[in-house]
Every structure is written in C-alpha cells, then in structure tokens.
Amino acid sequence: MKIEDFSSHIIEEIKNTWET
C-alpha cells in the first residue's frame, strides 16, 4: 500500500465524518 493511497483514504474518512 502506498502512503498516498493511505492519506487519500484517511482524508475521505475525515471528510465523511465532517459532513455537517
């Protein structure tokens, strides 16, 4: 797994969590 993919995944999860 590449670090970029990992960061992208984390960002997507955070965006979903911050969906207000």
PDB file of N, CA and C in Angstrom:
ATOM      1  N   MET A   1       0.851  -1.198   0.000  1.00  0.00           N
ATOM      2  CA  MET A   1       0.000   0.000   0.000  1.00  0.00           C
ATOM      3  C   MET A   1       0.892   1.256   0.000  1.00  0.00           C
ATOM      4  N   LYS A   2       0.546   2.184  -0.859  1.00  0.00           N
ATOM      5  CA  LYS A   2       1.355   3.413  -0.923  1.00  0.00           C
ATOM      6  C   LYS A   2       0.872   4.425   0.111  1.00  0.00           C
ATOM      7  N   ILE A   3       1.772   5.254   0.550  1.00  0.00           N
ATOM      8  CA  ILE A   3       1.407   6.278   1.551  1.00  0.00           C
ATOM      9  C   ILE A   3       0.358   7.222   0.973  1.00  0.00           C
ATOM     10  N   GLU A   4       0.440   7.503  -0.308  1.00  0.00           N
ATOM     11  CA  GLU A   4      -0.534   8.421  -0.919  1.00  0.00           C
ATOM     12  C   GLU A   4      -1.935   7.827  -0.829  1.00  0.00           C
ATOM     13  N   ASP A   5      -2.051   6.547  -1.125  1.00  0.00           N
ATOM     14  CA  ASP A   5      -3.367   5.891  -1.042  1.00  0.00           C
ATOM     15  C   ASP A   5      -3.877   5.940   0.393  1.00  0.00           C
ATOM     16  N   PHE A   6      -2.976   5.717   1.323  1.00  0.00           N
ATOM     17  CA  PHE A   6      -3.375   5.732   2.737  1.00  0.00           C
ATOM     18  C   PHE A   6      -3.888   7.121   3.116  1.00  0.00           C
ATOM     19  N   SER A   7      -3.146   8.154   2.738  1.00  0.00           N
ATOM     20  CA  SER A   7      -3.564   9.531   3.052  1.00  0.00           C
ATOM     21  C   SER A   7      -4.905   9.832   2.402  1.00  0.00           C
ATOM     22  N   SER A   8      -5.051   9.415   1.167  1.00  0.00           N
ATOM     23  CA  SER A   8      -6.315   9.677   0.458  1.00  0.00           C
ATOM     24  C   SER A   8      -7.472   9.012   1.202  1.00  0.00           C
ATOM     25  N   HIS A   9      -7.256   7.811   1.655  1.00  0.00           N
ATOM     26  CA  HIS A   9      -8.310   7.084   2.374  1.00  0.00           C
ATOM     27  C   HIS A   9      -8.653   7.813   3.680  1.00  0.00           C
ATOM     28  N   ILE A  10      -7.636   8.229   4.401  1.00  0.00           N
ATOM     29  CA  ILE A  10      -7.868   8.945   5.667  1.00  0.00           C
ATOM     30  C   ILE A  10      -8.631  10.236   5.401  1.00  0.00           C
ATOM     31  N   ILE A  11      -8.220  10.972   4.395  1.00  0.00           N
ATOM     32  CA  ILE A  11      -8.892  12.241   4.067  1.00  0.00           C
ATOM     33  C   ILE A  11     -10.355  11.981   3.744  1.00  0.00           C
ATOM     34  N   GLU A  12     -10.618  10.960   2.998  1.00  0.00           N
ATOM     35  CA  GLU A  12     -12.021  10.659   2.636  1.00  0.00           C
ATOM     36  C   GLU A  12     -12.828  10.339   3.893  1.00  0.00           C
ATOM     37  N   GLU A  13     -12.250   9.568   4.785  1.00  0.00           N
ATOM     38  CA  GLU A  13     -12.980   9.217   6.019  1.00  0.00           C
ATOM     39  C   GLU A  13     -13.239  10.470   6.846  1.00  0.00           C
ATOM     40  N   ILE A  14     -12.249  11.310   6.964  1.00  0.00           N
ATOM     41  CA  ILE A  14     -12.408  12.550   7.745  1.00  0.00           C
ATOM     42  C   ILE A  14     -13.488  13.415   7.102  1.00  0.00           C
ATOM     43  N   LYS A  15     -13.467  13.519   5.787  1.00  0.00           N
ATOM     44  CA  LYS A  15     -14.485  14.333   5.102  1.00  0.00           C
ATOM     45  C   LYS A  15     -15.874  13.783   5.423  1.00  0.00           C
ATOM     46  N   ASN A  16     -16.019  12.480   5.418  1.00  0.00           N
ATOM     47  CA  ASN A  16     -17.327  11.883   5.730  1.00  0.00           C
ATOM     48  C   ASN A  16     -17.716  12.188   7.171  1.00  0.00           C
ATOM     49  N   THR A  17     -16.752  12.134   8.049  1.00  0.00           N
ATOM     50  CA  THR A  17     -17.038  12.402   9.459  1.00  0.00           C
ATOM     51  C   THR A  17     -17.384  13.869   9.664  1.00  0.00           C
ATOM     52  N   TRP A  18     -16.772  14.731   8.861  1.00  0.00           N
ATOM     53  CA  TRP A  18     -17.005  16.172   8.997  1.00  0.00           C
ATOM     54  C   TRP A  18     -18.184  16.634   8.163  1.00  0.00           C
ATOM     55  N   GLU A  19     -18.955  15.690   7.666  1.00  0.00           N
ATOM     56  CA  GLU A  19     -20.104  16.060   6.829  1.00  0.00           C
ATOM     57  C   GLU A  19     -21.192  16.635   7.731  1.00  0.00           C
ATOM     58  N   THR A  20     -21.244  17.944   7.792  1.00  0.00           N
ATOM     59  CA  THR A  20     -22.212  18.596   8.673  1.00  0.00           C
ATOM     60  C   THR A  20     -23.181  19.434   7.859  1.00  0.00           C
TER      61      THR A  20
END
